[in-house]
Structures are given as C-alpha cells and as structure tokens.
Amino acid sequence: MYSPSALSIKTPSAIYCSGQVHLTSDGVLIDGSIAEKTRKCCENIEAILKAADSSLSNVVKTTVFISDVGYFAEMNAEYEKWFSHKPARSCVVVKGLPLNASVEIEVIALP
C-alpha cells in the first residue's frame, strides 16, 4: 500500500508508528460501525508492530483521533479490547481525517 511516509520507524529504544486509519491492504476504507473501524485500525497497527518484531503489548503511548465526539464511547469499548494493559493515551476530536476516515490511531511501542 502506498504511503507518503514510513509506516513505522524503529530505533533502539522505541518504534514510532504512523497513524493508521481503517484501510484494507488494498487501500480501501472499510465501512461499518465505529467499533469495526477501530478494530481495523488496531489490526493494521498489530501487523506493523509484528513486522518490527514487537507487539501490541509493548505499546506505551497511543493517540486516537476521532472525527465526532459521539464516536468516543464505541471507539473506547473496542480500543480496550486491544490495549487492556492501558498504555498512556490522548484522544482528540478533529474536524476531519485523511480520506474522510472516522478514526485514526498512532502508537509508540517498545521494541
């Protein structure tokens, strides 16, 4: 999938993952509920971290962007399934996201 930036950068002390929206490997935004879209973001992050020899359990910080404050509760319920170890997190409501996505998540993980 084309991206104008790296999907992640691995340093000796951390892996910085670019924000992931609910895209398939073909670059198509999935439709569905906010929970389904959040799940897809997390699946994408999981694959990126696996390729960097890390995992979701090594995530220490996340930033979640949502395009409507009304999405928070549903996003959060799905998010908690993926990040039960409760990394530090910020959640920001934004006017819009690339490709008209509803959710974007970026993470910092330990190698």
Foldseek 3Di string as FASTA:
>chain_A
DDDPDDQWDDDQWKIWGDKFWQADPVGDHDDDALLNRLVSRLVVVQVVQVVVVHGLQQWQEKEKEFQDPVNVVSSVVNVCVSNVVDHHYHYYHDNADPPRTGMIMITMGGD
